[in-house]
Amino acid sequence: MKNILRYGNKMVPLFIPVLFGISLLLIIQSQAFVQNASALSTAITIDFLITIPFVYFLIIRKRNIPKITVLSMFVLGIVVLSFALPEENQSLLTAIKVFAIPIVEVTVLSFVVYKTVKISRSYKEQKNSGDFYTAMKKAASEVLPQQVAAILVTEISVVYYGFIHWRKKKLKKDEFSYHKKSTTLSIIVGFLMVILIETFAVHFLLLKWSSVAAWILTILSAYTALQIFALARSISKRPITVDMKEKELILRFGFFSEWSVSLHNIREVELSNKDLPEDKSIVPFSPLGGLTEHNVILHFNNEEQFSGFYGLKKKASSLAIYVDDKQRFFETVENYILSV
């Protein structure tokens, strides 16, 4: 029920503009429009491109919704009118396309540049608060919508961990690796090899049917391989951290998954590599799911939510993870739980 209410709340800003737009489309289909096409086409064009975006702006002005989305309503109005209005009644629409579209393009480009500069400055300020991914995520979330920020940071991380960050990570006292004794890297490399081999094979098969389709699939496969390569390299750069100062456990799986959970919410730390139950009462933290092993299970007092690939969310009351030095990890977290 809460999810439905939350979803409904997100849709409220669109309800009135959409209802307004549907009403205008019904007018276009009416006999009254046929009889007064010249005057009504002008009025409907103004309503779609000015009135509706303005009403939308009034609705979102105090909400946590980027104001740049008003331009999206304007562009959507142009697209709808291009199909809905008869061609002979599109004189005003055509004029607006000629003069307004370049302005929209310049505005959007300026907005992107502005946001990029803000993210860059914010990243420099946040740099001392964690590693590259953590700092970039904080910086991007301050200037962009959450979902857009998650996608942007993921794409930047692919380049950063794939080509830029080559320095070896030295673990601190409160940091724990999770790749040295596990089969995680072997599985990821196996995926990478399969993708590369199948890309070449499928490419030559598709060339006999369509060269365009072959190259599109090859480019997509190559980018997927790049993501997996960057993931493999990022795993050693982003260890698990038990932050006693902030009273947080920061779980990481490269740049694919990250989760900061309060140490107060950990009820029990269990050393176990048993098979996970089919009822999913224990969720694997690894984005590879059951393909990777685990040796520690964390049980929480209250259900937690963590971010996965591209900001996708998962929930868990118990979480299965892998830690190379599981005994030291167990003692570190367990000692805190007992001391509270």
Protein backbone atom coordinates (compact mmCIF):
# COMPACT_ATOMS: atom_id res chain seq x y z
CA MET A 1 0.00 0.00 0.00
CA LYS A 2 2.86 2.36 0.86
CA ASN A 3 4.49 1.65 -2.50
CA ILE A 4 1.23 2.49 -4.29
CA LEU A 5 0.90 5.76 -2.38
CA ARG A 6 4.54 6.62 -3.07
CA TYR A 7 4.09 5.89 -6.78
CA GLY A 8 0.87 7.94 -6.86
CA ASN A 9 2.62 10.87 -5.21
CA LYS A 10 5.28 10.80 -7.92
CA MET A 11 2.61 10.85 -10.63
CA VAL A 12 0.70 13.85 -9.22
CA PRO A 13 2.78 16.47 -11.13
CA LEU A 14 1.85 14.75 -14.42
CA PHE A 15 -1.85 14.25 -13.73
CA ILE A 16 -3.11 17.77 -14.51
CA PRO A 17 -0.86 18.36 -17.58
CA VAL A 18 -1.83 14.96 -19.01
CA LEU A 19 -5.53 15.57 -18.36
CA PHE A 20 -5.21 19.00 -20.00
CA GLY A 21 -3.43 17.48 -23.00
CA ILE A 22 -6.05 14.76 -23.45
CA SER A 23 -8.78 17.42 -23.41
CA LEU A 24 -7.01 19.34 -26.18
CA LEU A 25 -6.59 16.18 -28.24
CA LEU A 26 -10.32 15.49 -27.93
CA ILE A 27 -11.01 19.01 -29.20
CA ILE A 28 -8.83 18.34 -32.25
CA GLN A 29 -10.98 15.31 -33.03
CA SER A 30 -14.25 17.20 -32.58
CA GLN A 31 -16.55 18.77 -35.18
CA ALA A 32 -15.99 22.18 -33.58
CA PHE A 33 -12.33 22.04 -34.58
CA VAL A 34 -13.20 21.26 -38.19
CA GLN A 35 -15.45 24.33 -38.31
CA ASN A 36 -12.90 26.67 -36.63
CA ALA A 37 -9.61 24.98 -37.50
CA SER A 38 -7.55 28.14 -38.02
CA ALA A 39 -8.35 29.81 -34.68
CA LEU A 40 -8.44 26.62 -32.62
CA SER A 41 -5.17 25.25 -34.02
CA THR A 42 -3.38 28.42 -32.87
CA ALA A 43 -4.98 28.29 -29.43
CA ILE A 44 -4.26 24.56 -29.02
CA THR A 45 -0.63 25.06 -30.09
CA ILE A 46 -0.20 27.83 -27.50
CA ASP A 47 -1.84 25.67 -24.81
CA PHE A 48 0.38 22.68 -25.55
CA LEU A 49 3.65 24.61 -25.77
CA ILE A 50 3.12 27.40 -23.23
CA THR A 51 0.14 26.79 -20.95
CA ILE A 52 0.80 23.12 -20.13
CA PRO A 53 4.55 23.60 -19.43
CA PHE A 54 3.69 26.64 -17.27
CA VAL A 55 1.07 24.70 -15.28
CA TYR A 56 3.59 21.88 -14.87
CA PHE A 57 6.15 24.40 -13.58
CA LEU A 58 3.69 25.75 -11.01
CA ILE A 59 3.08 22.21 -9.77
CA ILE A 60 6.75 21.21 -9.43
CA ARG A 61 8.26 24.51 -8.30
CA LYS A 62 8.25 23.48 -4.63
CA ARG A 63 8.94 19.81 -5.27
CA ASN A 64 12.26 18.03 -5.54
CA ILE A 65 11.90 17.76 -9.32
CA PRO A 66 14.46 19.35 -11.70
CA LYS A 67 13.04 22.50 -13.32
CA ILE A 68 14.75 21.48 -16.56
CA THR A 69 11.95 18.92 -17.00
CA VAL A 70 9.71 21.84 -18.04
CA LEU A 71 11.62 21.77 -21.34
CA SER A 72 10.75 18.08 -21.63
CA MET A 73 7.06 19.02 -21.46
CA PHE A 74 7.64 21.63 -24.18
CA VAL A 75 9.41 19.15 -26.48
CA LEU A 76 6.75 16.50 -25.77
CA GLY A 77 4.10 19.03 -26.78
CA ILE A 78 5.85 19.61 -30.11
CA VAL A 79 5.99 15.87 -30.77
CA VAL A 80 2.32 15.33 -29.90
CA LEU A 81 1.15 18.28 -32.03
CA SER A 82 3.24 17.11 -34.98
CA PHE A 83 1.13 13.97 -35.12
CA ALA A 84 -2.21 15.27 -33.81
CA LEU A 85 -2.67 18.51 -35.74
CA PRO A 86 -3.57 18.35 -39.43
CA GLU A 87 -0.58 19.43 -41.55
CA GLU A 88 -2.48 22.38 -43.01
CA ASN A 89 -2.96 23.77 -39.47
CA GLN A 90 0.67 23.54 -38.36
CA SER A 91 1.89 26.95 -39.52
CA LEU A 92 2.48 28.28 -35.98
CA LEU A 93 3.94 24.94 -34.89
CA THR A 94 6.36 24.98 -37.84
CA ALA A 95 7.50 28.51 -36.95
CA ILE A 96 8.10 27.46 -33.35
CA LYS A 97 10.10 24.44 -34.49
CA VAL A 98 12.35 26.66 -36.59
CA PHE A 99 13.04 29.25 -33.88
CA ALA A 100 12.48 27.49 -30.56
CA ILE A 101 14.22 24.14 -31.07
CA PRO A 102 17.72 25.70 -31.42
CA ILE A 103 17.07 27.69 -28.23
CA VAL A 104 16.02 24.51 -26.42
CA GLU A 105 19.16 22.72 -27.64
CA VAL A 106 21.41 25.56 -26.43
CA THR A 107 19.58 25.67 -23.09
CA VAL A 108 19.94 21.93 -22.53
CA LEU A 109 23.62 22.01 -23.51
CA SER A 110 24.22 24.94 -21.14
CA PHE A 111 22.42 23.07 -18.36
CA VAL A 112 24.59 19.97 -18.89
CA VAL A 113 27.78 22.06 -18.84
CA TYR A 114 26.60 23.89 -15.70
CA LYS A 115 25.78 20.62 -13.92
CA THR A 116 29.12 19.13 -14.99
CA VAL A 117 31.01 22.08 -13.51
CA LYS A 118 28.99 21.84 -10.27
CA ILE A 119 29.64 18.10 -10.00
CA SER A 120 33.36 18.69 -10.57
CA ARG A 121 33.53 21.33 -7.85
CA SER A 122 31.41 19.30 -5.47
CA TYR A 123 33.57 16.22 -6.09
CA LYS A 124 36.70 18.15 -5.08
CA GLU A 125 34.97 19.19 -1.85
CA GLN A 126 33.76 15.62 -1.14
CA LYS A 127 37.01 13.91 -2.10
CA ASN A 128 38.19 13.54 1.47
CA SER A 129 34.99 11.70 2.44
CA GLY A 130 35.75 8.42 0.66
CA ASP A 131 36.96 6.82 -2.54
CA PHE A 132 36.26 8.04 -6.06
CA TYR A 133 32.89 6.34 -6.48
CA THR A 134 31.62 7.48 -3.06
CA ALA A 135 32.73 11.06 -3.62
CA MET A 136 31.27 11.21 -7.13
CA LYS A 137 27.97 9.75 -5.94
CA LYS A 138 27.68 12.39 -3.21
CA ALA A 139 28.62 15.15 -5.63
CA ALA A 140 26.22 14.05 -8.38
CA SER A 141 23.30 13.54 -5.99
CA GLU A 142 23.61 17.17 -4.88
CA VAL A 143 23.06 18.56 -8.37
CA LEU A 144 21.09 15.86 -10.24
CA PRO A 145 17.99 13.70 -9.62
CA GLN A 146 18.85 10.49 -7.77
CA GLN A 147 18.26 8.08 -10.66
CA VAL A 148 20.09 10.29 -13.17
CA ALA A 149 22.98 10.69 -10.72
CA ALA A 150 23.24 6.89 -10.25
CA ILE A 151 23.42 6.27 -14.01
CA LEU A 152 25.93 9.08 -14.58
CA VAL A 153 28.24 7.95 -11.77
CA THR A 154 28.10 4.35 -13.00
CA GLU A 155 29.12 5.38 -16.52
CA ILE A 156 31.94 7.58 -15.20
CA SER A 157 33.12 4.74 -12.95
CA VAL A 158 33.38 2.38 -15.92
CA VAL A 159 35.93 4.72 -17.50
CA TYR A 160 37.70 5.56 -14.23
CA TYR A 161 38.21 2.00 -12.99
CA GLY A 162 38.70 0.60 -16.48
CA PHE A 163 41.39 2.99 -17.70
CA ILE A 164 42.47 5.56 -15.10
CA HIS A 165 42.85 4.09 -11.60
CA TRP A 166 45.79 1.68 -11.79
CA ARG A 167 47.39 2.31 -8.40
CA LYS A 168 47.27 -0.65 -6.00
CA LYS A 169 44.99 -0.20 -2.99
CA LYS A 170 46.62 -0.65 0.43
CA LEU A 171 44.13 -1.85 3.01
CA LYS A 172 43.76 0.12 6.22
CA LYS A 173 43.08 -1.43 9.61
CA ASP A 174 39.31 -1.06 9.26
CA GLU A 175 39.16 -2.34 5.64
CA PHE A 176 38.54 -5.88 4.41
CA SER A 177 39.10 -7.38 0.96
CA TYR A 178 36.66 -9.86 -0.55
CA HIS A 179 38.34 -11.04 -3.75
CA LYS A 180 41.66 -12.69 -2.83
CA LYS A 181 40.36 -16.05 -1.56
CA SER A 182 37.01 -16.18 -3.38
CA THR A 183 36.20 -17.31 -6.90
CA THR A 184 34.58 -13.95 -7.71
CA LEU A 185 37.29 -12.67 -10.05
CA SER A 186 37.49 -16.04 -11.81
CA ILE A 187 33.75 -15.97 -12.48
CA ILE A 188 33.91 -12.38 -13.76
CA VAL A 189 36.85 -13.18 -16.05
CA GLY A 190 34.91 -16.21 -17.28
CA PHE A 191 31.94 -13.98 -18.15
CA LEU A 192 34.30 -11.60 -19.93
CA MET A 193 35.83 -14.36 -22.05
CA VAL A 194 32.40 -15.74 -23.00
CA ILE A 195 31.19 -12.28 -24.07
CA LEU A 196 34.30 -11.64 -26.19
CA ILE A 197 34.15 -15.04 -27.90
CA GLU A 198 30.41 -14.89 -28.58
CA THR A 199 30.67 -11.29 -29.81
CA PHE A 200 33.04 -12.29 -32.60
CA ALA A 201 31.01 -15.39 -33.50
CA VAL A 202 27.62 -13.61 -33.54
CA HIS A 203 29.10 -10.62 -35.39
CA PHE A 204 30.13 -12.72 -38.39
CA LEU A 205 26.82 -14.58 -38.38
CA LEU A 206 24.81 -11.34 -38.36
CA LEU A 207 26.93 -9.84 -41.15
CA LYS A 208 25.24 -12.27 -43.55
CA TRP A 209 21.86 -10.79 -42.58
CA SER A 210 22.51 -7.14 -41.70
CA SER A 211 25.82 -5.31 -41.27
CA VAL A 212 24.08 -2.55 -39.27
CA ALA A 213 22.59 -5.05 -36.80
CA ALA A 214 25.94 -6.84 -36.55
CA TRP A 215 27.82 -3.68 -35.64
CA ILE A 216 25.14 -2.47 -33.20
CA LEU A 217 25.26 -5.79 -31.34
CA THR A 218 29.06 -5.78 -31.41
CA ILE A 219 29.26 -2.26 -29.94
CA LEU A 220 26.76 -3.15 -27.19
CA SER A 221 28.65 -6.36 -26.40
CA ALA A 222 31.97 -4.51 -26.37
CA TYR A 223 30.59 -1.97 -23.90
CA THR A 224 29.22 -4.77 -21.70
CA ALA A 225 32.68 -6.34 -21.75
CA LEU A 226 34.16 -2.98 -20.75
CA GLN A 227 31.75 -2.75 -17.81
CA ILE A 228 32.72 -6.24 -16.61
CA PHE A 229 36.43 -5.44 -17.05
CA ALA A 230 36.02 -2.23 -15.02
CA LEU A 231 34.06 -4.17 -12.36
CA ALA A 232 36.86 -6.72 -12.04
CA ARG A 233 39.42 -3.96 -11.56
CA SER A 234 37.27 -1.96 -9.14
CA ILE A 235 36.75 -4.86 -6.71
CA SER A 236 40.29 -4.61 -5.34
CA LYS A 237 40.01 -0.79 -5.14
CA ARG A 238 36.80 -0.70 -3.07
CA PRO A 239 37.10 -2.84 0.08
CA ILE A 240 34.52 -3.41 2.79
CA THR A 241 34.94 -0.87 5.60
CA VAL A 242 33.98 -1.03 9.27
CA ASP A 243 33.90 2.65 10.17
CA MET A 244 33.95 2.84 13.95
CA LYS A 245 34.02 6.64 13.93
CA GLU A 246 30.73 6.90 12.02
CA LYS A 247 29.40 3.62 13.47
CA GLU A 248 28.82 2.26 9.94
CA LEU A 249 29.52 -0.89 8.00
CA ILE A 250 30.16 0.01 4.37
CA LEU A 251 29.70 -2.99 2.08
CA ARG A 252 30.95 -2.81 -1.50
CA PHE A 253 31.12 -5.00 -4.59
CA GLY A 254 33.26 -2.95 -6.93
CA PHE A 255 31.17 -0.08 -8.24
CA PHE A 256 28.22 -2.41 -8.91
CA SER A 257 26.91 -2.40 -5.32
CA GLU A 258 27.35 -0.26 -2.23
CA TRP A 259 25.58 -0.20 1.10
CA SER A 260 26.17 1.77 4.30
CA VAL A 261 24.38 0.21 7.25
CA SER A 262 24.43 1.40 10.85
CA LEU A 263 26.31 -0.95 13.14
CA HIS A 264 23.46 -0.45 15.63
CA ASN A 265 21.14 -2.26 13.23
CA ILE A 266 23.24 -5.44 13.06
CA ARG A 267 21.69 -8.02 15.35
CA GLU A 268 24.07 -10.91 14.68
CA VAL A 269 27.12 -11.85 12.63
CA GLU A 270 27.11 -15.49 11.57
CA LEU A 271 30.10 -17.29 10.05
CA SER A 272 28.48 -19.60 7.53
CA ASN A 273 28.85 -20.83 3.96
CA LYS A 274 25.66 -22.89 3.97
CA ASP A 275 23.34 -22.76 0.94
CA LEU A 276 20.95 -19.84 1.05
CA PRO A 277 17.26 -20.66 1.62
CA GLU A 278 14.97 -20.63 -1.39
CA ASP A 279 12.51 -18.29 0.34
CA LYS A 280 15.11 -15.49 -0.08
CA SER A 281 15.05 -14.70 3.63
CA ILE A 282 18.80 -14.29 3.23
CA VAL A 283 19.81 -12.12 0.26
CA PRO A 284 23.26 -12.34 -1.41
CA PHE A 285 24.96 -8.95 -1.51
CA SER A 286 26.90 -9.86 -4.65
CA PRO A 287 25.15 -8.71 -7.86
CA LEU A 288 26.16 -12.09 -9.28
CA GLY A 289 23.76 -13.71 -6.82
CA GLY A 290 24.27 -17.36 -6.03
CA LEU A 291 27.12 -17.71 -8.54
CA THR A 292 29.55 -16.38 -5.94
CA GLU A 293 30.13 -17.92 -2.53
CA HIS A 294 29.66 -16.35 0.89
CA ASN A 295 31.16 -16.99 4.31
CA VAL A 296 29.44 -14.40 6.50
CA ILE A 297 25.72 -13.74 7.09
CA LEU A 298 24.60 -10.47 8.63
CA HIS A 299 21.25 -10.40 10.43
CA PHE A 300 19.57 -7.02 10.98
CA ASN A 301 17.17 -5.69 13.56
CA ASN A 302 15.27 -3.79 10.85
CA GLU A 303 15.08 -4.39 7.12
CA GLU A 304 17.72 -2.48 5.14
CA GLN A 305 17.80 -1.24 1.55
CA PHE A 306 20.96 -1.06 -0.55
CA SER A 307 21.89 0.22 -3.99
CA GLY A 308 22.82 -2.11 -6.80
CA PHE A 309 23.92 -1.58 -10.41
CA TYR A 310 22.68 1.75 -11.88
CA GLY A 311 21.11 2.60 -8.53
CA LEU A 312 18.68 -0.33 -8.51
CA LYS A 313 17.40 -1.03 -5.01
CA LYS A 314 17.32 -4.26 -3.01
CA LYS A 315 15.95 -4.97 0.46
CA ALA A 316 17.17 -7.49 3.02
CA SER A 317 16.66 -8.55 6.62
CA SER A 318 19.65 -10.89 6.40
CA LEU A 319 22.55 -10.49 4.00
CA ALA A 320 25.18 -12.96 2.77
CA ILE A 321 28.63 -11.57 2.01
CA TYR A 322 32.17 -12.82 1.46
CA VAL A 323 35.16 -11.51 3.43
CA ASP A 324 38.72 -12.80 2.96
CA ASP A 325 39.66 -12.30 6.62
CA LYS A 326 36.32 -13.46 7.97
CA GLN A 327 37.55 -14.10 11.52
CA ARG A 328 38.93 -10.57 11.99
CA PHE A 329 35.77 -9.15 10.41
CA PHE A 330 33.59 -11.23 12.73
CA GLU A 331 35.51 -10.15 15.82
CA THR A 332 35.48 -6.47 14.80
CA VAL A 333 31.71 -6.29 14.26
CA GLU A 334 30.79 -8.71 17.05
CA ASN A 335 32.86 -6.77 19.61
CA TYR A 336 30.98 -3.62 18.69
CA ILE A 337 27.60 -5.35 19.01
CA LEU A 338 28.53 -6.70 22.46
CA SER A 339 29.80 -3.31 23.60
CA VAL A 340 26.53 -1.51 22.85
